[in-house]
């Protein structure tokens, strides 16, 4: 896709972080914007800021884990603008700890948003994208979809799944002769609010977790996030990948994470035990 002017972009998790940065960048490139997010106050502020900057924007409070609400986001885009050209399956949360100590609710929370949200997005939006002469889907995974650091098992599992789903989707769309292109976004640390994902955990998945169990890990992760790449820079990578019709969006190519990816691939090829991947 070379020309974004007048086209329609839909972004989940669009009220902040990478999602909002993508919405802002797409709007500057002349696209009409639809953002969905579960946080109503942040979504309202994002919609106001986008509109104030001149964007033609619509917003919907929605939960990506509920397929009917994903459909409502699609309906909003079609009703307002007649179709969708770019869909960013971006909403995500984090959660971790020792695998055998984490409550089942943590697994359910992270898999619900990061995996089922992506599945619902693909099932809902790919048929709409296929109606266009040129369209693109961007699935937000992570470098944690390419390596497996400790204490992040639910997150790692979902991001590995998103990479696999995206790669399969890439092949499937090519085999059926579709014009829809696919990218998978695999950033390392980005300065976002994902470290405080617990604020959006639904009541039915809340369990009492000892504060000292995750406090140290959360503090370490927040430090890496605070020093991470700007979401605006990630959005620039996304736009360039769409223009280039490039599948892999590896934002931190010069980072030690890429060395960790290489070491993991070497261990697979050489059939050696996994090399530990540090958090940062």
C-alpha atoms as a PDB file:
ATOM      1  CA  UNK A   1       0.000   0.000   0.000  1.00  0.00           C
ATOM      2  CA  UNK A   2       1.652   3.209  -1.184  1.00  0.00           C
ATOM      3  CA  UNK A   3      -1.090   5.796  -0.685  1.00  0.00           C
ATOM      4  CA  UNK A   4      -2.858   6.156   2.672  1.00  0.00           C
ATOM      5  CA  UNK A   5      -4.922   9.230   1.824  1.00  0.00           C
ATOM      6  CA  UNK A   6      -8.640   8.707   2.426  1.00  0.00           C
ATOM      7  CA  UNK A   7      -8.216   5.092   3.509  1.00  0.00           C
ATOM      8  CA  UNK A   8      -9.522   3.692   6.794  1.00  0.00           C
ATOM      9  CA  UNK A   9      -7.445   2.325   9.676  1.00  0.00           C
ATOM     10  CA  UNK A  10      -8.895   0.455  12.650  1.00  0.00           C
ATOM     11  CA  UNK A  11      -6.744  -0.072  15.753  1.00  0.00           C
ATOM     12  CA  UNK A  12      -7.532  -2.038  18.908  1.00  0.00           C
ATOM     13  CA  UNK A  13      -5.867  -0.869  22.093  1.00  0.00           C
ATOM     14  CA  UNK A  14      -5.929   2.506  20.376  1.00  0.00           C
ATOM     15  CA  UNK A  15      -6.277   4.776  23.398  1.00  0.00           C
ATOM     16  CA  UNK A  16      -2.626   4.823  24.434  1.00  0.00           C
ATOM     17  CA  UNK A  17       0.834   3.435  23.805  1.00  0.00           C
ATOM     18  CA  UNK A  18       1.644   1.875  20.450  1.00  0.00           C
ATOM     19  CA  UNK A  19      -2.014   1.869  19.402  1.00  0.00           C
ATOM     20  CA  UNK A  20      -2.456   5.603  19.849  1.00  0.00           C
ATOM     21  CA  UNK A  21       0.886   6.302  18.188  1.00  0.00           C
ATOM     22  CA  UNK A  22      -0.202   4.292  15.148  1.00  0.00           C
ATOM     23  CA  UNK A  23      -3.517   6.144  15.042  1.00  0.00           C
ATOM     24  CA  UNK A  24      -1.718   9.492  15.172  1.00  0.00           C
ATOM     25  CA  UNK A  25       0.727   8.477  12.441  1.00  0.00           C
ATOM     26  CA  UNK A  26      -1.998   7.091  10.167  1.00  0.00           C
ATOM     27  CA  UNK A  27      -4.019  10.272  10.664  1.00  0.00           C
ATOM     28  CA  UNK A  28      -1.050  12.430   9.662  1.00  0.00           C
ATOM     29  CA  UNK A  29      -0.830  10.329   6.506  1.00  0.00           C
ATOM     30  CA  UNK A  30      -4.430  11.202   5.662  1.00  0.00           C
ATOM     31  CA  UNK A  31      -6.258   8.123   6.906  1.00  0.00           C
ATOM     32  CA  UNK A  32      -9.638   8.016   8.629  1.00  0.00           C
ATOM     33  CA  UNK A  33      -9.290   6.470  12.056  1.00  0.00           C
ATOM     34  CA  UNK A  34     -11.357   4.080  14.177  1.00  0.00           C
ATOM     35  CA  UNK A  35      -9.967   3.199  17.600  1.00  0.00           C
ATOM     36  CA  UNK A  36     -11.265   0.664  20.088  1.00  0.00           C
ATOM     37  CA  UNK A  37     -10.180   0.299  23.698  1.00  0.00           C
ATOM     38  CA  UNK A  38     -11.531  -1.039  26.985  1.00  0.00           C
ATOM     39  CA  UNK A  39     -10.610   2.119  28.954  1.00  0.00           C
ATOM     40  CA  UNK A  40     -13.353   4.684  28.410  1.00  0.00           C
ATOM     41  CA  UNK A  41     -11.635   7.801  29.890  1.00  0.00           C
ATOM     42  CA  UNK A  42      -8.413   7.223  27.963  1.00  0.00           C
ATOM     43  CA  UNK A  43     -10.354   6.469  24.798  1.00  0.00           C
ATOM     44  CA  UNK A  44     -12.335   9.686  25.089  1.00  0.00           C
ATOM     45  CA  UNK A  45      -9.134  11.670  25.569  1.00  0.00           C
ATOM     46  CA  UNK A  46      -7.478   9.920  22.603  1.00  0.00           C
ATOM     47  CA  UNK A  47     -10.465  10.655  20.387  1.00  0.00           C
ATOM     48  CA  UNK A  48     -10.418  14.316  21.432  1.00  0.00           C
ATOM     49  CA  UNK A  49      -6.684  14.673  20.830  1.00  0.00           C
ATOM     50  CA  UNK A  50      -6.888  13.036  17.411  1.00  0.00           C
ATOM     51  CA  UNK A  51      -9.830  15.201  16.387  1.00  0.00           C
ATOM     52  CA  UNK A  52      -8.081  18.331  17.657  1.00  0.00           C
ATOM     53  CA  UNK A  53      -5.117  17.456  15.437  1.00  0.00           C
ATOM     54  CA  UNK A  54      -7.457  17.317  12.429  1.00  0.00           C
ATOM     55  CA  UNK A  55      -8.193  13.587  12.237  1.00  0.00           C
ATOM     56  CA  UNK A  56     -11.495  12.189  11.046  1.00  0.00           C
ATOM     57  CA  UNK A  57     -11.945   9.733  13.925  1.00  0.00           C
ATOM     58  CA  UNK A  58     -14.475   7.442  15.578  1.00  0.00           C
ATOM     59  CA  UNK A  59     -14.002   5.555  18.854  1.00  0.00           C
ATOM     60  CA  UNK A  60     -15.693   2.639  20.618  1.00  0.00           C
ATOM     61  CA  UNK A  61     -15.318   1.308  24.139  1.00  0.00           C
ATOM     62  CA  UNK A  62     -14.956  -2.436  23.571  1.00  0.00           C
ATOM     63  CA  UNK A  63     -13.392  -5.635  24.874  1.00  0.00           C
ATOM     64  CA  UNK A  64     -11.370  -7.622  22.321  1.00  0.00           C
ATOM     65  CA  UNK A  65     -12.069 -10.862  24.188  1.00  0.00           C
ATOM     66  CA  UNK A  66     -15.749 -10.634  23.232  1.00  0.00           C
ATOM     67  CA  UNK A  67     -16.359 -11.426  19.547  1.00  0.00           C
ATOM     68  CA  UNK A  68     -19.599  -9.454  19.438  1.00  0.00           C
ATOM     69  CA  UNK A  69     -17.732  -6.355  20.569  1.00  0.00           C
ATOM     70  CA  UNK A  70     -15.063  -6.868  17.917  1.00  0.00           C
ATOM     71  CA  UNK A  71     -17.890  -7.069  15.388  1.00  0.00           C
ATOM     72  CA  UNK A  72     -19.318  -3.829  16.769  1.00  0.00           C
ATOM     73  CA  UNK A  73     -15.961  -2.145  16.089  1.00  0.00           C
ATOM     74  CA  UNK A  74     -16.051  -3.384  12.507  1.00  0.00           C
ATOM     75  CA  UNK A  75     -19.652  -2.241  12.106  1.00  0.00           C
ATOM     76  CA  UNK A  76     -18.702   1.230  13.332  1.00  0.00           C
ATOM     77  CA  UNK A  77     -15.938   1.471  10.732  1.00  0.00           C
ATOM     78  CA  UNK A  78     -18.144   0.285   7.896  1.00  0.00           C
ATOM     79  CA  UNK A  79     -21.088   2.462   8.904  1.00  0.00           C
ATOM     80  CA  UNK A  80     -18.908   5.559   9.267  1.00  0.00           C
ATOM     81  CA  UNK A  81     -16.486   5.117   6.385  1.00  0.00           C
ATOM     82  CA  UNK A  82     -17.711   2.282   4.150  1.00  0.00           C
ATOM     83  CA  UNK A  83     -14.876  -0.179   4.685  1.00  0.00           C
ATOM     84  CA  UNK A  84     -11.483  -0.961   6.245  1.00  0.00           C
ATOM     85  CA  UNK A  85      -8.057  -0.864   4.579  1.00  0.00           C
ATOM     86  CA  UNK A  86      -5.684  -1.316   7.532  1.00  0.00           C
ATOM     87  CA  UNK A  87      -6.473  -3.271  10.685  1.00  0.00           C
ATOM     88  CA  UNK A  88      -4.077  -3.290  13.636  1.00  0.00           C
ATOM     89  CA  UNK A  89      -4.721  -6.171  16.052  1.00  0.00           C
ATOM     90  CA  UNK A  90      -2.886  -4.322  18.783  1.00  0.00           C
ATOM     91  CA  UNK A  91      -4.590  -4.651  22.200  1.00  0.00           C
ATOM     92  CA  UNK A  92      -2.411  -6.455  24.709  1.00  0.00           C
ATOM     93  CA  UNK A  93      -1.759  -7.061  28.397  1.00  0.00           C
ATOM     94  CA  UNK A  94       1.047  -8.555  30.459  1.00  0.00           C
ATOM     95  CA  UNK A  95       1.243 -10.920  33.396  1.00  0.00           C
ATOM     96  CA  UNK A  96       3.873 -13.219  34.791  1.00  0.00           C
ATOM     97  CA  UNK A  97       5.671 -14.948  37.603  1.00  0.00           C
ATOM     98  CA  UNK A  98       6.631 -18.554  38.204  1.00  0.00           C
ATOM     99  CA  UNK A  99       4.526 -20.820  36.001  1.00  0.00           C
ATOM    100  CA  UNK A 100       3.534 -23.193  38.778  1.00  0.00           C
ATOM    101  CA  UNK A 101       2.624 -20.401  41.202  1.00  0.00           C
ATOM    102  CA  UNK A 102       0.594 -18.055  38.995  1.00  0.00           C
ATOM    103  CA  UNK A 103      -3.173 -18.323  39.504  1.00  0.00           C
ATOM    104  CA  UNK A 104      -5.088 -19.735  36.571  1.00  0.00           C
ATOM    105  CA  UNK A 105      -6.822 -16.373  36.270  1.00  0.00           C
ATOM    106  CA  UNK A 106      -3.550 -14.779  35.140  1.00  0.00           C
ATOM    107  CA  UNK A 107      -3.268 -17.264  32.292  1.00  0.00           C
ATOM    108  CA  UNK A 108      -6.912 -16.675  31.375  1.00  0.00           C
ATOM    109  CA  UNK A 109      -6.510 -12.885  31.453  1.00  0.00           C
ATOM    110  CA  UNK A 110      -3.401 -12.774  29.265  1.00  0.00           C
ATOM    111  CA  UNK A 111      -4.526 -15.446  26.802  1.00  0.00           C
ATOM    112  CA  UNK A 112      -7.955 -13.849  26.547  1.00  0.00           C
ATOM    113  CA  UNK A 113      -6.648 -10.486  25.362  1.00  0.00           C
ATOM    114  CA  UNK A 114      -3.394 -11.346  23.595  1.00  0.00           C
ATOM    115  CA  UNK A 115      -4.477 -14.520  21.811  1.00  0.00           C
ATOM    116  CA  UNK A 116      -8.263 -14.644  21.596  1.00  0.00           C
ATOM    117  CA  UNK A 117      -8.354 -10.913  20.884  1.00  0.00           C
ATOM    118  CA  UNK A 118      -6.135 -11.475  17.849  1.00  0.00           C
ATOM    119  CA  UNK A 119      -8.216 -14.455  16.732  1.00  0.00           C
ATOM    120  CA  UNK A 120     -11.438 -12.443  16.987  1.00  0.00           C
ATOM    121  CA  UNK A 121      -9.797  -9.595  15.092  1.00  0.00           C
ATOM    122  CA  UNK A 122      -8.684 -11.840  12.246  1.00  0.00           C
ATOM    123  CA  UNK A 123     -12.059 -13.544  11.935  1.00  0.00           C
ATOM    124  CA  UNK A 124     -13.900 -10.219  11.965  1.00  0.00           C
ATOM    125  CA  UNK A 125     -11.684  -7.964   9.874  1.00  0.00           C
ATOM    126  CA  UNK A 126      -9.942 -10.143   7.275  1.00  0.00           C
ATOM    127  CA  UNK A 127     -13.196 -10.615   5.282  1.00  0.00           C
ATOM    128  CA  UNK A 128     -13.590  -6.811   5.238  1.00  0.00           C
ATOM    129  CA  UNK A 129      -9.986  -6.271   4.171  1.00  0.00           C
ATOM    130  CA  UNK A 130     -10.414  -8.780   1.341  1.00  0.00           C
ATOM    131  CA  UNK A 131     -13.022  -6.501  -0.233  1.00  0.00           C
ATOM    132  CA  UNK A 132     -10.356  -3.846  -0.927  1.00  0.00           C
ATOM    133  CA  UNK A 133      -7.921  -3.621  -3.826  1.00  0.00           C
ATOM    134  CA  UNK A 134      -5.148  -3.040  -1.302  1.00  0.00           C
ATOM    135  CA  UNK A 135      -5.299  -3.790   2.417  1.00  0.00           C
ATOM    136  CA  UNK A 136      -3.045  -4.755   5.306  1.00  0.00           C
ATOM    137  CA  UNK A 137      -3.356  -6.413   8.704  1.00  0.00           C
ATOM    138  CA  UNK A 138      -0.776  -5.803  11.430  1.00  0.00           C
ATOM    139  CA  UNK A 139      -0.766  -8.216  14.383  1.00  0.00           C
ATOM    140  CA  UNK A 140       1.111  -6.976  17.421  1.00  0.00           C
ATOM    141  CA  UNK A 141       3.275  -9.734  18.854  1.00  0.00           C
ATOM    142  CA  UNK A 142       6.611  -9.064  20.577  1.00  0.00           C
ATOM    143  CA  UNK A 143      10.211 -10.117  20.516  1.00  0.00           C
ATOM    144  CA  UNK A 144       8.855 -12.395  23.287  1.00  0.00           C
ATOM    145  CA  UNK A 145       7.236 -14.251  20.397  1.00  0.00           C
ATOM    146  CA  UNK A 146      10.722 -15.145  19.152  1.00  0.00           C
ATOM    147  CA  UNK A 147      12.488 -15.904  22.453  1.00  0.00           C
ATOM    148  CA  UNK A 148      11.191 -17.121  25.810  1.00  0.00           C
ATOM    149  CA  UNK A 149      12.479 -15.121  28.790  1.00  0.00           C
ATOM    150  CA  UNK A 150      11.736 -16.463  32.275  1.00  0.00           C
ATOM    151  CA  UNK A 151       8.851 -15.216  34.438  1.00  0.00           C
ATOM    152  CA  UNK A 152       6.778 -14.228  31.377  1.00  0.00           C
ATOM    153  CA  UNK A 153       5.235 -17.545  30.346  1.00  0.00           C
ATOM    154  CA  UNK A 154       1.644 -16.425  29.649  1.00  0.00           C
ATOM    155  CA  UNK A 155       2.886 -13.427  27.692  1.00  0.00           C
ATOM    156  CA  UNK A 156       5.504 -15.481  25.825  1.00  0.00           C
ATOM    157  CA  UNK A 157       2.948 -18.137  24.947  1.00  0.00           C
ATOM    158  CA  UNK A 158       0.519 -15.636  23.473  1.00  0.00           C
ATOM    159  CA  UNK A 159       3.151 -13.780  21.500  1.00  0.00           C
ATOM    160  CA  UNK A 160       4.616 -16.983  20.054  1.00  0.00           C
ATOM    161  CA  UNK A 161       1.070 -17.890  19.054  1.00  0.00           C
ATOM    162  CA  UNK A 162       0.508 -14.512  17.388  1.00  0.00           C
ATOM    163  CA  UNK A 163       3.710 -14.945  15.357  1.00  0.00           C
ATOM    164  CA  UNK A 164       2.587 -18.425  14.242  1.00  0.00           C
ATOM    165  CA  UNK A 165      -0.956 -17.304  13.447  1.00  0.00           C
ATOM    166  CA  UNK A 166       0.355 -14.344  11.472  1.00  0.00           C
ATOM    167  CA  UNK A 167       2.749 -16.473   9.449  1.00  0.00           C
ATOM    168  CA  UNK A 168       0.006 -18.964   8.625  1.00  0.00           C
ATOM    169  CA  UNK A 169      -2.307 -16.101   7.683  1.00  0.00           C
ATOM    170  CA  UNK A 170       0.375 -14.680   5.384  1.00  0.00           C
ATOM    171  CA  UNK A 171       0.563 -17.981   3.501  1.00  0.00           C
ATOM    172  CA  UNK A 172      -3.205 -18.551   3.458  1.00  0.00           C
ATOM    173  CA  UNK A 173      -3.986 -15.141   1.986  1.00  0.00           C
ATOM    174  CA  UNK A 174      -1.298 -15.616  -0.663  1.00  0.00           C
ATOM    175  CA  UNK A 175      -2.626 -19.063  -1.579  1.00  0.00           C
ATOM    176  CA  UNK A 176      -6.166 -17.770  -2.136  1.00  0.00           C
ATOM    177  CA  UNK A 177      -4.869 -14.894  -4.240  1.00  0.00           C
ATOM    178  CA  UNK A 178      -5.879 -12.141  -1.818  1.00  0.00           C
ATOM    179  CA  UNK A 179      -4.470  -8.619  -2.019  1.00  0.00           C
ATOM    180  CA  UNK A 180      -4.389  -8.428   1.786  1.00  0.00           C
ATOM    181  CA  UNK A 181      -0.847  -8.238   3.158  1.00  0.00           C
ATOM    182  CA  UNK A 182       0.226  -9.287   6.643  1.00  0.00           C
ATOM    183  CA  UNK A 183       2.804  -7.950   9.086  1.00  0.00           C
ATOM    184  CA  UNK A 184       3.695  -9.120  12.573  1.00  0.00           C
ATOM    185  CA  UNK A 185       5.042  -6.457  14.926  1.00  0.00           C
ATOM    186  CA  UNK A 186       7.755  -7.754  17.278  1.00  0.00           C
ATOM    187  CA  UNK A 187       9.126  -4.909  19.397  1.00  0.00           C
ATOM    188  CA  UNK A 188      11.267  -5.268  22.485  1.00  0.00           C
ATOM    189  CA  UNK A 189      10.838  -2.765  25.313  1.00  0.00           C
ATOM    190  CA  UNK A 190       8.603   0.176  24.394  1.00  0.00           C
ATOM    191  CA  UNK A 191       7.672   3.042  26.711  1.00  0.00           C
ATOM    192  CA  UNK A 192       4.012   2.119  27.249  1.00  0.00           C
ATOM    193  CA  UNK A 193       1.672   1.373  30.147  1.00  0.00           C
ATOM    194  CA  UNK A 194       1.563  -2.394  29.599  1.00  0.00           C
ATOM    195  CA  UNK A 195       3.367  -2.887  32.899  1.00  0.00           C
ATOM    196  CA  UNK A 196       0.189  -1.791  34.713  1.00  0.00           C
ATOM    197  CA  UNK A 197      -2.128  -4.126  32.796  1.00  0.00           C
ATOM    198  CA  UNK A 198      -3.726  -5.268  36.050  1.00  0.00           C
ATOM    199  CA  UNK A 199      -5.862  -2.116  35.975  1.00  0.00           C
ATOM    200  CA  UNK A 200      -7.886  -3.694  33.167  1.00  0.00           C
ATOM    201  CA  UNK A 201      -8.234  -7.207  34.572  1.00  0.00           C
ATOM    202  CA  UNK A 202     -11.953  -8.033  34.791  1.00  0.00           C
ATOM    203  CA  UNK A 203     -13.418  -8.751  38.213  1.00  0.00           C
ATOM    204  CA  UNK A 204     -14.156 -12.397  37.479  1.00  0.00           C
ATOM    205  CA  UNK A 205     -10.447 -13.000  36.806  1.00  0.00           C
ATOM    206  CA  UNK A 206      -9.140 -11.232  39.893  1.00  0.00           C
ATOM    207  CA  UNK A 207      -7.525 -13.311  42.593  1.00  0.00           C
ATOM    208  CA  UNK A 208      -5.579 -12.280  45.637  1.00  0.00           C
ATOM    209  CA  UNK A 209      -1.896 -12.402  44.755  1.00  0.00           C
ATOM    210  CA  UNK A 210       0.763 -11.827  47.374  1.00  0.00           C
ATOM    211  CA  UNK A 211       2.303  -8.419  46.704  1.00  0.00           C
ATOM    212  CA  UNK A 212       5.837  -9.633  47.298  1.00  0.00           C
ATOM    213  CA  UNK A 213       5.361 -12.360  44.676  1.00  0.00           C
ATOM    214  CA  UNK A 214       5.405  -9.955  41.730  1.00  0.00           C
ATOM    215  CA  UNK A 215       6.576  -6.634  43.164  1.00  0.00           C
ATOM    216  CA  UNK A 216      10.265  -7.139  42.363  1.00  0.00           C
ATOM    217  CA  UNK A 217       9.576  -8.432  38.855  1.00  0.00           C
ATOM    218  CA  UNK A 218       7.119  -5.622  38.149  1.00  0.00           C
ATOM    219  CA  UNK A 219       9.665  -3.064  39.250  1.00  0.00           C
ATOM    220  CA  UNK A 220      12.327  -4.502  36.955  1.00  0.00           C
ATOM    221  CA  UNK A 221       9.945  -4.618  33.996  1.00  0.00           C
ATOM    222  CA  UNK A 222       8.740  -1.066  34.596  1.00  0.00           C
ATOM    223  CA  UNK A 223      12.327   0.132  34.542  1.00  0.00           C
ATOM    224  CA  UNK A 224      12.884  -1.432  31.137  1.00  0.00           C
ATOM    225  CA  UNK A 225       9.596   0.009  29.848  1.00  0.00           C
ATOM    226  CA  UNK A 226      10.458   3.510  31.076  1.00  0.00           C
ATOM    227  CA  UNK A 227      13.752   3.345  29.159  1.00  0.00           C
ATOM    228  CA  UNK A 228      12.155   1.748  26.116  1.00  0.00           C
ATOM    229  CA  UNK A 229      11.635   2.922  22.550  1.00  0.00           C
ATOM    230  CA  UNK A 230       9.112   5.662  21.880  1.00  0.00           C
ATOM    231  CA  UNK A 231       5.724   4.403  20.609  1.00  0.00           C
ATOM    232  CA  UNK A 232       6.026   7.027  17.857  1.00  0.00           C
ATOM    233  CA  UNK A 233       9.159   5.315  16.576  1.00  0.00           C
ATOM    234  CA  UNK A 234       7.354   1.964  16.580  1.00  0.00           C
ATOM    235  CA  UNK A 235       4.523   3.535  14.562  1.00  0.00           C
ATOM    236  CA  UNK A 236       7.061   4.733  11.991  1.00  0.00           C
ATOM    237  CA  UNK A 237       8.328   1.158  11.640  1.00  0.00           C
ATOM    238  CA  UNK A 238       4.754  -0.030  11.088  1.00  0.00           C
ATOM    239  CA  UNK A 239       4.066   2.469   8.324  1.00  0.00           C
ATOM    240  CA  UNK A 240       7.303   1.607   6.530  1.00  0.00           C
ATOM    241  CA  UNK A 241       6.459  -2.092   6.708  1.00  0.00           C
ATOM    242  CA  UNK A 242       3.005  -1.518   5.237  1.00  0.00           C
ATOM    243  CA  UNK A 243       4.471   0.517   2.386  1.00  0.00           C
ATOM    244  CA  UNK A 244       7.122  -2.154   1.767  1.00  0.00           C
ATOM    245  CA  UNK A 245       4.622  -5.025   2.205  1.00  0.00           C
ATOM    246  CA  UNK A 246       7.059  -6.523   4.708  1.00  0.00           C
ATOM    247  CA  UNK A 247       5.996  -9.321   7.077  1.00  0.00           C
ATOM    248  CA  UNK A 248       8.516  -8.960   9.918  1.00  0.00           C
ATOM    249  CA  UNK A 249       8.537  -5.682  11.847  1.00  0.00           C
ATOM    250  CA  UNK A 250      11.567  -6.034  14.108  1.00  0.00           C
ATOM    251  CA  UNK A 251      11.935  -2.641  15.709  1.00  0.00           C
ATOM    252  CA  UNK A 252      15.007  -3.353  17.837  1.00  0.00           C
ATOM    253  CA  UNK A 253      17.295  -4.943  15.255  1.00  0.00           C
ATOM    254  CA  UNK A 254      20.469  -3.571  16.805  1.00  0.00           C
ATOM    255  CA  UNK A 255      19.397  -4.632  20.298  1.00  0.00           C
ATOM    256  CA  UNK A 256      20.726  -7.531  22.334  1.00  0.00           C
ATOM    257  CA  UNK A 257      17.325  -9.134  21.842  1.00  0.00           C
ATOM    258  CA  UNK A 258      18.246  -9.928  18.230  1.00  0.00           C
ATOM    259  CA  UNK A 259      21.335 -11.712  19.493  1.00  0.00           C
ATOM    260  CA  UNK A 260      19.034 -13.705  21.763  1.00  0.00           C
ATOM    261  CA  UNK A 261      16.820 -14.596  18.785  1.00  0.00           C
ATOM    262  CA  UNK A 262      19.890 -15.782  16.892  1.00  0.00           C
ATOM    263  CA  UNK A 263      21.075 -17.837  19.864  1.00  0.00           C
ATOM    264  CA  UNK A 264      17.666 -19.508  20.121  1.00  0.00           C
ATOM    265  CA  UNK A 265      17.669 -20.395  16.430  1.00  0.00           C
ATOM    266  CA  UNK A 266      21.191 -21.781  16.822  1.00  0.00           C
ATOM    267  CA  UNK A 267      20.090 -23.974  19.720  1.00  0.00           C
ATOM    268  CA  UNK A 268      17.233 -25.363  17.602  1.00  0.00           C
ATOM    269  CA  UNK A 269      19.530 -26.050  14.647  1.00  0.00           C
ATOM    270  CA  UNK A 270      22.243 -27.577  16.816  1.00  0.00           C
ATOM    271  CA  UNK A 271      19.777 -29.431  19.099  1.00  0.00           C
ATOM    272  CA  UNK A 272      21.335 -27.910  22.200  1.00  0.00           C
ATOM    273  CA  UNK A 273      19.602 -26.869  25.398  1.00  0.00           C
ATOM    274  CA  UNK A 274      17.971 -23.410  25.379  1.00  0.00           C
ATOM    275  CA  UNK A 275      20.218 -20.484  26.108  1.00  0.00           C
ATOM    276  CA  UNK A 276      18.751 -18.322  28.906  1.00  0.00           C
ATOM    277  CA  UNK A 277      17.219 -15.090  27.658  1.00  0.00           C
ATOM    278  CA  UNK A 278      17.556 -12.210  30.087  1.00  0.00           C
ATOM    279  CA  UNK A 279      14.691  -9.784  30.537  1.00  0.00           C
ATOM    280  CA  UNK A 280      16.671  -6.896  29.127  1.00  0.00           C
END
